Amino acid sequence: MKQIKHIGAYGLVIKDNKILLIKKKGGPYDGKLDLPGGTIEFEESIESALKRELLEEVGIEILDYNLFDVVSTNIKWTYKDELVETKHIAILYLIKDYKNDIKENIEITEINDDSMGAEYFDIDKLTQEQLSNIALISLQKLKFM
């Protein structure tokens, strides 16, 4: 089995007991709801990756944020008929302020093609089965689940 590591920066945008999540397309979280964010490119800082990813995926410009936690999980999934185990390391930030409204129907391009859009979800109505491992761990740490 092939083993890979994925390290990303993710934003927790919560208001009125709702959380901003993206609908994943492809990859280990295909069909799940996940936190906006993603890969930290080699040449960028963690915070730059966070800002870029949230702008690309949900259309918001982050103004204020705090480091919340760093979590990891292992995910087994199939990629091109090969079983892969991914060590997913997520650097989580609480997003305190931003400008622009989220774009639920953001234009999908090659930059954000693993998303089928974003929206706020009522935390009390989410089930564990709907969520990516990272989203679930985050909500558990926030004492929502």
C-alpha atoms as a PDB file:
ATOM      1  CA  MET A   1       0.000   0.000   0.000  1.00  0.00           C
ATOM      2  CA  LYS A   2       1.290   3.414  -0.952  1.00  0.00           C
ATOM      3  CA  GLN A   3       1.643   5.863   1.958  1.00  0.00           C
ATOM      4  CA  ILE A   4       1.646   9.642   1.546  1.00  0.00           C
ATOM      5  CA  LYS A   5       1.527  12.715   3.799  1.00  0.00           C
ATOM      6  CA  HIS A   6      -0.702  15.722   3.271  1.00  0.00           C
ATOM      7  CA  ILE A   7      -0.247  18.907   5.309  1.00  0.00           C
ATOM      8  CA  GLY A   8      -2.764  21.701   5.012  1.00  0.00           C
ATOM      9  CA  ALA A   9      -4.106  24.879   6.609  1.00  0.00           C
ATOM     10  CA  TYR A  10      -7.864  25.023   7.283  1.00  0.00           C
ATOM     11  CA  GLY A  11     -10.324  27.641   8.478  1.00  0.00           C
ATOM     12  CA  LEU A  12     -13.085  27.200  11.027  1.00  0.00           C
ATOM     13  CA  VAL A  13     -15.738  29.776  10.132  1.00  0.00           C
ATOM     14  CA  ILE A  14     -18.578  29.518  12.636  1.00  0.00           C
ATOM     15  CA  LYS A  15     -21.507  31.867  13.168  1.00  0.00           C
ATOM     16  CA  ASP A  16     -24.976  31.445  14.625  1.00  0.00           C
ATOM     17  CA  ASN A  17     -24.287  27.745  15.394  1.00  0.00           C
ATOM     18  CA  LYS A  18     -23.466  27.113  11.735  1.00  0.00           C
ATOM     19  CA  ILE A  19     -20.147  26.100  10.203  1.00  0.00           C
ATOM     20  CA  LEU A  20     -18.844  26.855   6.737  1.00  0.00           C
ATOM     21  CA  LEU A  21     -18.043  23.618   4.889  1.00  0.00           C
ATOM     22  CA  ILE A  22     -17.209  22.659   1.337  1.00  0.00           C
ATOM     23  CA  LYS A  23     -18.636  19.685  -0.493  1.00  0.00           C
ATOM     24  CA  LYS A  24     -15.683  17.542  -1.603  1.00  0.00           C
ATOM     25  CA  LYS A  25     -15.327  15.998  -5.028  1.00  0.00           C
ATOM     26  CA  GLY A  26     -12.640  13.359  -5.462  1.00  0.00           C
ATOM     27  CA  GLY A  27      -9.802  12.434  -3.156  1.00  0.00           C
ATOM     28  CA  PRO A  28     -10.051  10.696   0.183  1.00  0.00           C
ATOM     29  CA  TYR A  29     -13.055  12.794   1.286  1.00  0.00           C
ATOM     30  CA  ASP A  30     -15.110  12.383  -1.890  1.00  0.00           C
ATOM     31  CA  GLY A  31     -18.770  13.153  -1.161  1.00  0.00           C
ATOM     32  CA  LYS A  32     -18.048  14.433   2.364  1.00  0.00           C
ATOM     33  CA  LEU A  33     -18.298  17.877   3.912  1.00  0.00           C
ATOM     34  CA  ASP A  34     -14.887  19.319   4.741  1.00  0.00           C
ATOM     35  CA  LEU A  35     -13.320  22.460   6.129  1.00  0.00           C
ATOM     36  CA  PRO A  36     -12.238  25.084   3.620  1.00  0.00           C
ATOM     37  CA  GLY A  37      -8.485  25.086   3.197  1.00  0.00           C
ATOM     38  CA  GLY A  38      -5.821  22.863   1.787  1.00  0.00           C
ATOM     39  CA  THR A  39      -2.232  22.278   0.801  1.00  0.00           C
ATOM     40  CA  ILE A  40       0.534  24.575   1.949  1.00  0.00           C
ATOM     41  CA  GLU A  41       2.632  25.222  -1.138  1.00  0.00           C
ATOM     42  CA  PHE A  42       6.397  24.951  -0.777  1.00  0.00           C
ATOM     43  CA  GLU A  43       7.053  28.670  -1.205  1.00  0.00           C
ATOM     44  CA  GLU A  44       4.303  30.029   1.062  1.00  0.00           C
ATOM     45  CA  SER A  45       3.806  30.457   4.787  1.00  0.00           C
ATOM     46  CA  ILE A  46       1.062  28.571   6.610  1.00  0.00           C
ATOM     47  CA  GLU A  47      -0.955  31.771   7.036  1.00  0.00           C
ATOM     48  CA  SER A  48      -0.551  32.671   3.356  1.00  0.00           C
ATOM     49  CA  ALA A  49      -1.834  29.217   2.410  1.00  0.00           C
ATOM     50  CA  LEU A  50      -4.828  29.662   4.719  1.00  0.00           C
ATOM     51  CA  LYS A  51      -5.715  33.024   3.172  1.00  0.00           C
ATOM     52  CA  ARG A  52      -5.215  31.807  -0.400  1.00  0.00           C
ATOM     53  CA  GLU A  53      -7.213  28.616   0.092  1.00  0.00           C
ATOM     54  CA  LEU A  54     -10.198  30.359   1.698  1.00  0.00           C
ATOM     55  CA  LEU A  55     -10.239  32.975  -1.038  1.00  0.00           C
ATOM     56  CA  GLU A  56     -10.082  30.262  -3.730  1.00  0.00           C
ATOM     57  CA  GLU A  57     -12.594  27.891  -2.158  1.00  0.00           C
ATOM     58  CA  VAL A  58     -15.186  30.162  -0.572  1.00  0.00           C
ATOM     59  CA  GLY A  59     -14.405  33.680  -1.799  1.00  0.00           C
ATOM     60  CA  ILE A  60     -13.639  35.329   1.543  1.00  0.00           C
ATOM     61  CA  GLU A  61     -10.681  37.499   2.455  1.00  0.00           C
ATOM     62  CA  ILE A  62      -9.538  36.719   5.990  1.00  0.00           C
ATOM     63  CA  LEU A  63      -8.912  39.745   8.226  1.00  0.00           C
ATOM     64  CA  ASP A  64      -8.494  38.196  11.691  1.00  0.00           C
ATOM     65  CA  TYR A  65      -7.759  34.635  12.771  1.00  0.00           C
ATOM     66  CA  ASN A  66      -6.164  32.609  15.587  1.00  0.00           C
ATOM     67  CA  LEU A  67      -4.369  29.296  15.580  1.00  0.00           C
ATOM     68  CA  PHE A  68      -6.772  26.762  17.098  1.00  0.00           C
ATOM     69  CA  ASP A  69      -5.037  23.371  16.953  1.00  0.00           C
ATOM     70  CA  VAL A  70      -3.020  20.945  14.881  1.00  0.00           C
ATOM     71  CA  VAL A  71      -4.608  17.534  14.323  1.00  0.00           C
ATOM     72  CA  SER A  72      -3.912  14.461  12.235  1.00  0.00           C
ATOM     73  CA  THR A  73      -5.697  11.397  10.989  1.00  0.00           C
ATOM     74  CA  ASN A  74      -4.957   8.475   8.688  1.00  0.00           C
ATOM     75  CA  ILE A  75      -7.290   7.763   5.770  1.00  0.00           C
ATOM     76  CA  LYS A  76      -7.309   4.700   3.531  1.00  0.00           C
ATOM     77  CA  TRP A  77      -8.783   5.236   0.073  1.00  0.00           C
ATOM     78  CA  THR A  78      -8.427   4.127  -3.512  1.00  0.00           C
ATOM     79  CA  TYR A  79      -6.686   6.243  -6.119  1.00  0.00           C
ATOM     80  CA  LYS A  80      -6.535   4.943  -9.697  1.00  0.00           C
ATOM     81  CA  ASP A  81      -7.175   1.354  -8.531  1.00  0.00           C
ATOM     82  CA  GLU A  82      -4.401   1.560  -5.920  1.00  0.00           C
ATOM     83  CA  LEU A  83      -4.995   1.469  -2.169  1.00  0.00           C
ATOM     84  CA  VAL A  84      -3.451   4.553  -0.570  1.00  0.00           C
ATOM     85  CA  GLU A  85      -3.048   5.517   3.071  1.00  0.00           C
ATOM     86  CA  THR A  86      -2.789   9.248   3.649  1.00  0.00           C
ATOM     87  CA  LYS A  87      -1.494  10.816   6.854  1.00  0.00           C
ATOM     88  CA  HIS A  88      -3.528  14.045   6.883  1.00  0.00           C
ATOM     89  CA  ILE A  89      -2.079  16.770   9.094  1.00  0.00           C
ATOM     90  CA  ALA A  90      -4.319  19.807   9.501  1.00  0.00           C
ATOM     91  CA  ILE A  91      -3.344  23.167  10.964  1.00  0.00           C
ATOM     92  CA  LEU A  92      -6.630  24.663  12.124  1.00  0.00           C
ATOM     93  CA  TYR A  93      -7.446  28.346  12.492  1.00  0.00           C
ATOM     94  CA  LEU A  94     -10.508  30.006  13.984  1.00  0.00           C
ATOM     95  CA  ILE A  95     -11.567  32.709  11.560  1.00  0.00           C
ATOM     96  CA  LYS A  96     -12.712  35.700  13.601  1.00  0.00           C
ATOM     97  CA  ASP A  97     -13.318  38.270  10.865  1.00  0.00           C
ATOM     98  CA  TYR A  98     -13.388  38.387   7.084  1.00  0.00           C
ATOM     99  CA  LYS A  99     -14.703  40.468   4.245  1.00  0.00           C
ATOM    100  CA  ASN A 100     -16.856  39.474   1.295  1.00  0.00           C
ATOM    101  CA  ASP A 101     -19.792  37.124   1.574  1.00  0.00           C
ATOM    102  CA  ILE A 102     -19.081  33.463   1.067  1.00  0.00           C
ATOM    103  CA  LYS A 103     -19.737  32.286  -2.444  1.00  0.00           C
ATOM    104  CA  GLU A 104     -21.912  29.199  -2.276  1.00  0.00           C
ATOM    105  CA  ASN A 105     -21.751  28.809  -6.030  1.00  0.00           C
ATOM    106  CA  ILE A 106     -18.118  29.758  -6.502  1.00  0.00           C
ATOM    107  CA  GLU A 107     -16.712  29.175  -9.970  1.00  0.00           C
ATOM    108  CA  ILE A 108     -14.943  25.814 -10.046  1.00  0.00           C
ATOM    109  CA  THR A 109     -11.587  25.964 -11.832  1.00  0.00           C
ATOM    110  CA  GLU A 110      -8.486  23.767 -11.876  1.00  0.00           C
ATOM    111  CA  ILE A 111      -7.393  25.608  -8.703  1.00  0.00           C
ATOM    112  CA  ASN A 112     -10.395  24.465  -6.626  1.00  0.00           C
ATOM    113  CA  ASP A 113     -11.718  21.520  -8.643  1.00  0.00           C
ATOM    114  CA  ASP A 114     -11.979  19.265  -5.585  1.00  0.00           C
ATOM    115  CA  SER A 115     -14.964  21.307  -4.363  1.00  0.00           C
ATOM    116  CA  MET A 116     -18.608  21.317  -5.392  1.00  0.00           C
ATOM    117  CA  GLY A 117     -19.304  24.586  -3.595  1.00  0.00           C
ATOM    118  CA  ALA A 118     -19.566  25.838  -0.034  1.00  0.00           C
ATOM    119  CA  GLU A 119     -22.300  26.755   2.386  1.00  0.00           C
ATOM    120  CA  TYR A 120     -23.081  27.164   6.064  1.00  0.00           C
ATOM    121  CA  PHE A 121     -24.439  24.027   7.729  1.00  0.00           C
ATOM    122  CA  ASP A 122     -26.387  23.885  10.985  1.00  0.00           C
ATOM    123  CA  ILE A 123     -23.969  22.143  13.354  1.00  0.00           C
ATOM    124  CA  ASP A 124     -26.775  20.457  15.296  1.00  0.00           C
ATOM    125  CA  LYS A 125     -28.034  18.737  12.133  1.00  0.00           C
ATOM    126  CA  LEU A 126     -24.704  17.362  10.900  1.00  0.00           C
ATOM    127  CA  THR A 127     -23.956  13.668  11.303  1.00  0.00           C
ATOM    128  CA  GLN A 128     -20.544  12.064  11.675  1.00  0.00           C
ATOM    129  CA  GLU A 129     -21.073  10.189   8.410  1.00  0.00           C
ATOM    130  CA  GLN A 130     -21.414  13.452   6.465  1.00  0.00           C
ATOM    131  CA  LEU A 131     -18.084  14.876   7.630  1.00  0.00           C
ATOM    132  CA  SER A 132     -14.463  14.430   6.656  1.00  0.00           C
ATOM    133  CA  ASN A 133     -12.242  13.133   9.445  1.00  0.00           C
ATOM    134  CA  ILE A 134     -10.687  16.571   9.902  1.00  0.00           C
ATOM    135  CA  ALA A 135     -14.049  18.369  10.086  1.00  0.00           C
ATOM    136  CA  LEU A 136     -15.329  15.820  12.604  1.00  0.00           C
ATOM    137  CA  ILE A 137     -12.223  16.067  14.804  1.00  0.00           C
ATOM    138  CA  SER A 138     -12.471  19.875  14.705  1.00  0.00           C
ATOM    139  CA  LEU A 139     -16.114  19.922  15.770  1.00  0.00           C
ATOM    140  CA  GLN A 140     -15.361  17.437  18.551  1.00  0.00           C
ATOM    141  CA  LYS A 141     -12.514  19.647  19.825  1.00  0.00           C
ATOM    142  CA  LEU A 142     -14.879  22.620  19.750  1.00  0.00           C
ATOM    143  CA  LYS A 143     -17.301  20.525  21.863  1.00  0.00           C
ATOM    144  CA  PHE A 144     -20.038  20.561  19.214  1.00  0.00           C
ATOM    145  CA  MET A 145     -20.065  16.789  18.627  1.00  0.00           C
END
